[in-house]
Amino acid sequence: MDTQNPSAPARPQSRTRARNHPHSGVIHDNARHTERFTVIGNHLAQHPELSGLAIGLAVHIQSLPAGASADIKTLAARFPESPARIAAALRELEAHGYLRRTRERVPGGRIVTRTVSCNRPGHRDQAADAPKPPRRRPDATPPRKKLPPVPQPAYRSPTLLQQATDLLAGLRRQDPRLLLSATDAEHLAPGVAAWLERDLTPTAVRHALTADLPPEDLRRPAALLAHRLTAQLPPPPPFRAPAPPPDVRHPLQNCDGCDHAFRSLTPGRCRHCRTDLPERA
């Protein structure tokens, strides 16, 4: 009765300990959040193309309450990175759909920037239960095509963007076919600002956009301008060291002693006639 069967299979060893305590890699010590937390998708936290700064800014912006400021100046004051690096990271988020920034005119004429944070880009297009759009009648207006993307300035200066918007609004004086809607001008303004911040004059930008236009009717003038802003974008200007200050030249004075002319800030005697100088003592 005490004899063991040597051919019986050995009892399997428990894998619970090995599974809960791996020999290498990350070990999670998690606690359940019940207040003050933000749900972040792995598509953002483990995004293969976004930089670490872009992912961190996206997490920070998604954690902000509605109405909080998320402009470059505010984020640069909150984090140690420079405004240029923060602006580049925000452009990454815009390119991948995690951020939308638009400029709107509020009552009173002031223009403000609206920032929309998307915690799952494209979720509206991917919703399985989204209702299908109604069939378009033969006489209905066709849907508007999305404009091509345009270059973005390194820093969205309100003054520069307003100058770009004014330039776009004036193109219709060059060619009536370049009459743009407010929505088109808002989309194109950052591209014009990217040209202006590269030391180009408004006249040069206007010429690049309006020169050699096709003679036929322009079906989508905004799309043509967006293509030119992208395809013909000039390189950044070379770095130029600031010029040294000019030499200070005092006005000519007549010496009270010898009546010879000498340069001095105030009238009096020249160096040869003064007795209060150390070498004259």
Protein backbone atom coordinates (compact mmCIF):
# COMPACT_ATOMS: atom_id res chain seq x y z
CA MET A 1 0.00 0.00 0.00
CA ASP A 2 2.94 2.34 0.58
CA THR A 3 4.58 1.60 -2.77
CA GLN A 4 4.44 4.56 -5.20
CA ASN A 5 3.89 4.10 -8.90
CA PRO A 6 7.16 5.22 -10.56
CA SER A 7 5.43 5.57 -13.95
CA ALA A 8 2.80 8.04 -12.76
CA PRO A 9 3.26 11.60 -14.15
CA ALA A 10 4.67 14.13 -11.73
CA ARG A 11 2.33 16.79 -10.39
CA PRO A 12 2.56 20.02 -12.37
CA GLN A 13 4.29 22.87 -10.59
CA SER A 14 2.27 25.99 -9.92
CA ARG A 15 3.01 28.84 -12.32
CA THR A 16 1.24 31.46 -10.23
CA ARG A 17 4.38 32.72 -8.58
CA ALA A 18 6.33 32.94 -11.85
CA ARG A 19 3.43 34.69 -13.57
CA ASN A 20 2.94 37.28 -10.84
CA HIS A 21 6.63 37.92 -10.28
CA PRO A 22 8.53 37.93 -13.58
CA HIS A 23 12.29 37.63 -13.51
CA SER A 24 12.74 40.81 -15.63
CA GLY A 25 10.78 43.69 -17.16
CA VAL A 26 8.12 45.94 -15.67
CA ILE A 27 6.38 44.98 -12.45
CA HIS A 28 3.12 46.89 -11.89
CA ASP A 29 2.11 47.96 -8.40
CA ASN A 30 -1.36 49.27 -9.20
CA ALA A 31 -4.05 50.80 -7.02
CA ARG A 32 -7.60 51.48 -8.18
CA HIS A 33 -8.33 55.19 -8.69
CA THR A 34 -11.65 56.42 -7.39
CA GLU A 35 -11.20 60.20 -7.88
CA ARG A 36 -9.06 62.71 -9.80
CA PHE A 37 -7.96 60.41 -12.62
CA THR A 38 -7.92 60.48 -16.44
CA VAL A 39 -8.38 57.47 -18.72
CA ILE A 40 -5.64 57.32 -21.37
CA GLY A 41 -5.68 54.83 -24.24
CA ASN A 42 -2.66 52.69 -25.04
CA HIS A 43 -2.88 53.99 -28.61
CA LEU A 44 -1.58 57.27 -27.15
CA ALA A 45 0.63 56.03 -24.30
CA GLN A 46 2.40 53.55 -26.63
CA HIS A 47 2.15 55.53 -29.88
CA PRO A 48 5.00 54.38 -32.17
CA GLU A 49 5.49 57.75 -33.91
CA LEU A 50 4.85 60.42 -31.29
CA SER A 51 7.73 61.81 -29.24
CA GLY A 52 7.77 61.48 -25.47
CA LEU A 53 7.11 65.23 -25.12
CA ALA A 54 4.09 65.01 -27.43
CA ILE A 55 2.65 62.06 -25.48
CA GLY A 56 3.22 63.87 -22.17
CA LEU A 57 1.53 67.07 -23.43
CA ALA A 58 -1.41 65.05 -24.75
CA VAL A 59 -1.87 63.39 -21.36
CA HIS A 60 -1.61 66.76 -19.59
CA ILE A 61 -4.12 68.44 -21.94
CA GLN A 62 -6.59 65.56 -21.64
CA SER A 63 -6.44 65.90 -17.85
CA LEU A 64 -7.32 69.62 -17.91
CA PRO A 65 -10.86 70.78 -17.17
CA ALA A 66 -12.93 72.28 -19.96
CA GLY A 67 -12.03 75.90 -20.59
CA ALA A 68 -8.46 75.66 -19.25
CA SER A 69 -5.70 77.37 -21.24
CA ALA A 70 -3.56 75.07 -23.37
CA ASP A 71 -1.67 77.54 -25.54
CA ILE A 72 2.09 77.50 -26.11
CA LYS A 73 2.76 80.32 -23.63
CA THR A 74 0.80 78.60 -20.83
CA LEU A 75 2.41 75.20 -21.47
CA ALA A 76 5.91 76.73 -21.64
CA ALA A 77 5.31 78.31 -18.22
CA ARG A 78 4.15 74.95 -16.84
CA PHE A 79 6.93 72.73 -18.24
CA PRO A 80 10.71 73.19 -18.55
CA GLU A 81 10.76 72.70 -22.34
CA SER A 82 11.17 75.75 -24.59
CA PRO A 83 8.22 77.27 -26.52
CA ALA A 84 9.76 76.01 -29.78
CA ARG A 85 9.85 72.38 -28.56
CA ILE A 86 6.32 72.62 -27.17
CA ALA A 87 5.08 74.10 -30.46
CA ALA A 88 6.69 71.21 -32.37
CA ALA A 89 5.09 68.64 -30.03
CA LEU A 90 1.66 70.24 -30.48
CA ARG A 91 2.09 70.02 -34.24
CA GLU A 92 2.80 66.28 -33.80
CA LEU A 93 -0.48 65.89 -31.93
CA GLU A 94 -2.33 67.84 -34.62
CA ALA A 95 -0.83 65.67 -37.37
CA HIS A 96 -1.99 62.47 -35.61
CA GLY A 97 -5.46 63.78 -34.75
CA TYR A 98 -5.07 64.21 -30.98
CA LEU A 99 -5.41 68.00 -31.17
CA ARG A 100 -7.38 70.50 -33.25
CA ARG A 101 -6.67 74.24 -33.04
CA THR A 102 -8.88 76.79 -34.79
CA ARG A 103 -9.16 80.55 -34.60
CA GLU A 104 -12.58 82.13 -34.07
CA ARG A 105 -13.82 85.69 -33.87
CA VAL A 106 -15.80 86.31 -30.68
CA PRO A 107 -18.30 89.13 -30.06
CA GLY A 108 -16.39 92.38 -29.91
CA GLY A 109 -14.09 91.52 -32.83
CA ARG A 110 -11.39 89.75 -30.80
CA ILE A 111 -9.90 86.57 -32.31
CA VAL A 112 -9.29 83.62 -29.97
CA THR A 113 -7.81 80.15 -30.47
CA ARG A 114 -10.06 77.16 -29.76
CA THR A 115 -8.22 74.00 -28.72
CA VAL A 116 -10.03 70.66 -29.04
CA SER A 117 -8.39 67.63 -27.40
CA CYS A 118 -9.32 64.22 -28.90
CA ASN A 119 -8.72 61.24 -26.62
CA ARG A 120 -9.34 58.79 -29.48
CA PRO A 121 -8.79 60.24 -32.96
CA GLY A 122 -11.28 59.15 -35.57
CA HIS A 123 -13.71 57.63 -33.07
CA ARG A 124 -16.66 59.32 -34.77
CA ASP A 125 -15.71 57.82 -38.13
CA GLN A 126 -15.13 54.36 -36.62
CA ALA A 127 -18.32 54.11 -34.57
CA ALA A 128 -20.10 50.94 -35.63
CA ASP A 129 -23.54 52.25 -34.76
CA ALA A 130 -23.13 55.58 -36.52
CA PRO A 131 -26.15 56.28 -38.73
CA LYS A 132 -25.50 56.21 -42.44
CA PRO A 133 -25.79 59.58 -44.17
CA PRO A 134 -28.94 60.03 -46.22
CA ARG A 135 -28.69 59.51 -49.95
CA ARG A 136 -27.99 62.74 -51.78
CA ARG A 137 -30.60 63.94 -54.17
CA PRO A 138 -29.44 64.54 -57.75
CA ASP A 139 -29.95 68.28 -57.32
CA ALA A 140 -28.26 68.47 -53.90
CA THR A 141 -24.95 70.28 -53.39
CA PRO A 142 -22.01 67.80 -53.36
CA PRO A 143 -20.11 67.47 -50.07
CA ARG A 144 -17.16 69.79 -49.60
CA LYS A 145 -13.74 68.17 -50.02
CA LYS A 146 -11.19 68.61 -47.27
CA LEU A 147 -8.44 71.10 -48.03
CA PRO A 148 -4.84 69.84 -48.19
CA PRO A 149 -2.70 70.56 -45.11
CA VAL A 150 -0.51 73.67 -45.09
CA PRO A 151 2.82 74.42 -43.37
CA GLN A 152 2.63 75.51 -39.75
CA PRO A 153 4.63 78.38 -38.21
CA ALA A 154 7.05 77.67 -35.41
CA TYR A 155 5.11 80.03 -33.15
CA ARG A 156 1.48 81.04 -33.68
CA SER A 157 1.81 84.75 -33.08
CA PRO A 158 -1.65 86.40 -33.15
CA THR A 159 -0.15 89.42 -34.90
CA LEU A 160 1.48 87.27 -37.59
CA LEU A 161 -1.69 85.21 -38.13
CA GLN A 162 -3.76 88.37 -38.46
CA GLN A 163 -1.28 89.71 -41.03
CA ALA A 164 -1.57 86.41 -42.91
CA THR A 165 -5.39 86.56 -42.83
CA ASP A 166 -5.36 90.14 -44.15
CA LEU A 167 -3.03 89.06 -46.97
CA LEU A 168 -5.39 86.24 -47.97
CA ALA A 169 -8.42 88.53 -47.85
CA GLY A 170 -6.67 90.92 -50.25
CA LEU A 171 -5.91 88.31 -52.92
CA ARG A 172 -9.28 88.90 -54.54
CA ARG A 173 -8.01 92.35 -55.53
CA GLN A 174 -5.27 90.62 -57.54
CA ASP A 175 -7.67 88.10 -59.08
CA PRO A 176 -11.44 87.96 -58.39
CA ARG A 177 -11.27 84.15 -58.66
CA LEU A 178 -9.30 84.09 -55.37
CA LEU A 179 -12.29 85.11 -53.27
CA LEU A 180 -11.98 82.95 -50.14
CA SER A 181 -14.45 82.08 -47.44
CA ALA A 182 -13.68 82.77 -43.79
CA THR A 183 -13.19 79.03 -43.24
CA ASP A 184 -10.72 78.76 -46.12
CA ALA A 185 -8.78 81.81 -44.91
CA GLU A 186 -8.58 80.34 -41.40
CA HIS A 187 -7.17 77.08 -42.81
CA LEU A 188 -4.62 78.84 -45.03
CA ALA A 189 -3.49 81.55 -42.58
CA PRO A 190 -0.94 79.34 -40.71
CA GLY A 191 0.67 78.46 -44.06
CA VAL A 192 1.06 82.14 -44.97
CA ALA A 193 2.42 82.84 -41.46
CA ALA A 194 5.03 80.09 -41.99
CA TRP A 195 6.22 82.02 -45.07
CA LEU A 196 6.22 85.40 -43.31
CA GLU A 197 8.28 84.14 -40.37
CA ARG A 198 10.99 83.12 -42.89
CA ASP A 199 11.79 86.78 -43.58
CA LEU A 200 9.60 87.08 -46.68
CA THR A 201 7.69 90.28 -47.28
CA PRO A 202 3.90 90.21 -47.80
CA THR A 203 4.51 91.37 -51.38
CA ALA A 204 6.76 88.36 -52.07
CA VAL A 205 4.22 85.93 -50.58
CA ARG A 206 1.39 87.54 -52.55
CA HIS A 207 3.36 87.22 -55.79
CA ALA A 208 4.13 83.53 -55.13
CA LEU A 209 0.44 82.78 -54.60
CA THR A 210 -0.96 84.73 -57.57
CA ALA A 211 1.72 84.42 -60.27
CA ASP A 212 1.03 82.25 -63.35
CA LEU A 213 -2.48 81.21 -62.39
CA PRO A 214 -4.24 78.96 -64.92
CA PRO A 215 -6.47 80.87 -67.35
CA GLU A 216 -9.50 78.66 -66.83
CA ASP A 217 -11.94 78.96 -63.95
CA LEU A 218 -10.57 77.95 -60.54
CA ARG A 219 -12.93 75.32 -59.11
CA ARG A 220 -11.13 75.19 -55.75
CA PRO A 221 -8.96 78.29 -55.29
CA ALA A 222 -8.27 77.48 -51.63
CA ALA A 223 -6.91 74.03 -52.57
CA LEU A 224 -4.63 75.61 -55.19
CA LEU A 225 -3.29 78.10 -52.64
CA ALA A 226 -2.76 75.32 -50.08
CA HIS A 227 -0.72 73.37 -52.67
CA ARG A 228 1.43 76.40 -53.48
CA LEU A 229 2.03 77.20 -49.81
CA THR A 230 3.33 73.66 -49.29
CA ALA A 231 5.14 72.93 -52.54
CA GLN A 232 6.92 76.31 -52.80
CA LEU A 233 7.75 76.84 -49.12
CA PRO A 234 11.21 78.49 -49.01
CA PRO A 235 13.91 77.28 -46.60
CA PRO A 236 14.50 79.14 -43.33
CA PRO A 237 16.80 82.15 -43.65
CA PRO A 238 20.45 81.64 -42.70
CA PHE A 239 21.51 82.71 -39.26
CA ARG A 240 22.97 86.19 -39.16
CA ALA A 241 24.84 87.47 -36.15
CA PRO A 242 23.53 90.84 -34.94
CA ALA A 243 25.45 93.80 -36.29
CA PRO A 244 27.75 95.54 -33.78
CA PRO A 245 26.58 98.92 -32.52
CA PRO A 246 27.93 101.92 -34.46
CA ASP A 247 30.86 103.87 -33.04
CA VAL A 248 29.87 106.83 -30.91
CA ARG A 249 31.07 110.08 -32.46
CA HIS A 250 30.69 113.20 -30.34
CA PRO A 251 29.95 116.57 -32.00
CA LEU A 252 32.71 119.03 -32.83
CA GLN A 253 33.38 121.78 -30.26
CA ASN A 254 35.65 124.87 -30.44
CA CYS A 255 38.28 124.93 -27.70
CA ASP A 256 37.89 127.88 -25.31
CA GLY A 257 41.69 128.08 -25.03
CA CYS A 258 43.18 127.64 -28.52
CA ASP A 259 40.00 127.84 -30.61
CA HIS A 260 40.89 124.52 -32.29
CA ALA A 261 38.12 122.06 -33.09
CA PHE A 262 37.85 118.89 -31.00
CA ARG A 263 35.16 116.26 -30.40
CA SER A 264 33.41 116.27 -27.06
CA LEU A 265 29.96 115.77 -25.63
CA THR A 266 30.10 119.21 -23.99
CA PRO A 267 31.94 122.46 -24.89
CA GLY A 268 35.14 123.50 -23.04
CA ARG A 269 38.85 123.06 -23.56
CA CYS A 270 40.64 120.49 -25.70
CA ARG A 271 43.02 117.89 -24.26
CA HIS A 272 46.06 120.06 -24.96
CA CYS A 273 44.66 123.08 -23.09
CA ARG A 274 43.22 121.25 -20.05
CA THR A 275 45.27 121.25 -16.83
CA ASP A 276 43.12 118.83 -14.86
CA LEU A 277 44.24 115.72 -16.74
CA PRO A 278 46.71 113.34 -14.97
CA GLU A 279 49.35 113.60 -17.70
CA ARG A 280 49.21 117.43 -17.47
CA ALA A 281 49.80 117.48 -13.74
